[in-house]
């Protein structure tokens, strides 16, 4: 099982627990769990409306791709912790991470 926390814009955290072999992106899980995330482009890194920040565990997720970085660069509120949820695949590297939802 993978356990990680989602922090909402009010700073409240909720733990999600998912099977390690689930073949979904973080964006798909957030939408299915009814978190307020637009994900307008459907997960192809063209809109940046699934912008999140990795509060803890960023070092385990690997570096963002050039396409992801290009989209993040268009965001006025991007930080060094910014990522696109559509580009993060659920796997054991996400275990223990803390992800902050951002109103983009």
Protein backbone atom coordinates (compact mmCIF):
# COMPACT_ATOMS: atom_id res chain seq x y z
CA UNK A 1 0.00 0.00 0.00
CA UNK A 2 1.03 3.60 -0.67
CA UNK A 3 0.17 6.19 1.99
CA UNK A 4 0.53 9.90 1.41
CA UNK A 5 -1.12 13.07 2.63
CA UNK A 6 -3.05 15.72 0.75
CA UNK A 7 -2.98 19.20 2.27
CA UNK A 8 -5.84 21.50 1.26
CA UNK A 9 -5.59 25.26 0.88
CA UNK A 10 -6.59 25.69 4.55
CA UNK A 11 -3.63 23.57 5.71
CA UNK A 12 -5.73 20.57 6.73
CA UNK A 13 -4.30 17.18 5.80
CA UNK A 14 -5.98 13.95 4.86
CA UNK A 15 -4.20 10.64 4.38
CA UNK A 16 -4.85 8.63 1.23
CA UNK A 17 -4.02 4.94 1.11
CA UNK A 18 -3.94 3.16 -2.24
CA UNK A 19 -2.67 -0.13 -3.63
CA UNK A 20 0.93 0.09 -4.81
CA UNK A 21 0.08 -1.52 -8.14
CA UNK A 22 -2.63 0.96 -9.14
CA UNK A 23 -1.77 2.36 -12.57
CA UNK A 24 -2.99 5.96 -12.19
CA UNK A 25 -1.55 9.43 -12.02
CA UNK A 26 -1.84 11.59 -8.93
CA UNK A 27 -4.25 13.81 -10.90
CA UNK A 28 -6.58 10.87 -11.60
CA UNK A 29 -6.61 9.92 -7.93
CA UNK A 30 -7.28 13.49 -6.82
CA UNK A 31 -10.19 13.86 -9.25
CA UNK A 32 -11.64 10.46 -8.30
CA UNK A 33 -11.38 11.43 -4.63
CA UNK A 34 -13.29 14.64 -5.40
CA UNK A 35 -10.52 17.06 -4.55
CA UNK A 36 -10.98 20.50 -6.17
CA UNK A 37 -8.54 20.11 -9.05
CA UNK A 38 -9.51 21.25 -12.55
CA UNK A 39 -7.18 19.16 -14.73
CA UNK A 40 -8.71 20.76 -17.81
CA UNK A 41 -6.47 19.05 -20.39
CA UNK A 42 -7.13 15.58 -19.00
CA UNK A 43 -3.57 14.83 -17.99
CA UNK A 44 -1.35 15.64 -20.96
CA UNK A 45 0.58 18.52 -19.36
CA UNK A 46 -0.96 21.25 -21.51
CA UNK A 47 -2.85 23.39 -19.00
CA UNK A 48 -1.16 23.29 -15.56
CA UNK A 49 -4.58 23.28 -13.83
CA UNK A 50 -3.47 20.27 -11.78
CA UNK A 51 -0.68 22.30 -10.14
CA UNK A 52 0.34 20.96 -6.72
CA UNK A 53 3.31 21.45 -4.42
CA UNK A 54 5.32 18.59 -3.00
CA UNK A 55 5.76 19.61 0.64
CA UNK A 56 7.60 16.46 1.66
CA UNK A 57 9.06 13.61 -0.39
CA UNK A 58 10.05 15.59 -3.49
CA UNK A 59 13.49 14.00 -3.61
CA UNK A 60 11.96 10.54 -4.13
CA UNK A 61 9.75 11.55 -7.07
CA UNK A 62 12.48 12.30 -9.55
CA UNK A 63 12.86 15.40 -11.65
CA UNK A 64 10.05 16.90 -13.72
CA UNK A 65 10.29 16.54 -17.49
CA UNK A 66 11.05 19.51 -19.73
CA UNK A 67 7.40 19.60 -20.83
CA UNK A 68 6.25 19.74 -17.21
CA UNK A 69 8.78 22.47 -16.40
CA UNK A 70 7.63 24.52 -19.40
CA UNK A 71 4.04 24.45 -18.11
CA UNK A 72 5.09 25.22 -14.53
CA UNK A 73 7.00 28.24 -15.84
CA UNK A 74 3.68 29.70 -17.06
CA UNK A 75 2.24 29.74 -13.54
CA UNK A 76 2.35 33.03 -11.63
CA UNK A 77 2.36 31.20 -8.28
CA UNK A 78 4.92 28.48 -9.08
CA UNK A 79 7.51 27.57 -6.48
CA UNK A 80 10.51 25.25 -6.39
CA UNK A 81 8.12 22.58 -5.03
CA UNK A 82 5.62 22.92 -7.89
CA UNK A 83 4.68 19.88 -9.93
CA UNK A 84 1.82 18.86 -12.19
CA UNK A 85 -0.24 16.08 -10.63
CA UNK A 86 -0.87 14.59 -14.09
CA UNK A 87 2.84 13.89 -14.47
CA UNK A 88 3.27 12.04 -11.16
CA UNK A 89 2.55 8.32 -11.42
CA UNK A 90 1.45 6.50 -8.30
CA UNK A 91 4.14 4.14 -7.12
CA UNK A 92 6.03 3.36 -3.93
CA UNK A 93 8.12 6.54 -4.34
CA UNK A 94 5.04 8.54 -3.32
CA UNK A 95 4.78 6.71 0.01
CA UNK A 96 5.06 9.19 2.88
CA UNK A 97 4.84 12.27 0.65
CA UNK A 98 2.82 15.37 1.50
CA UNK A 99 1.13 17.10 -1.44
CA UNK A 100 -0.37 20.56 -1.15
CA UNK A 101 -3.31 21.51 -3.38
CA UNK A 102 -2.91 24.89 -5.06
CA UNK A 103 -5.65 27.10 -6.44
CA UNK A 104 -4.17 27.90 -9.84
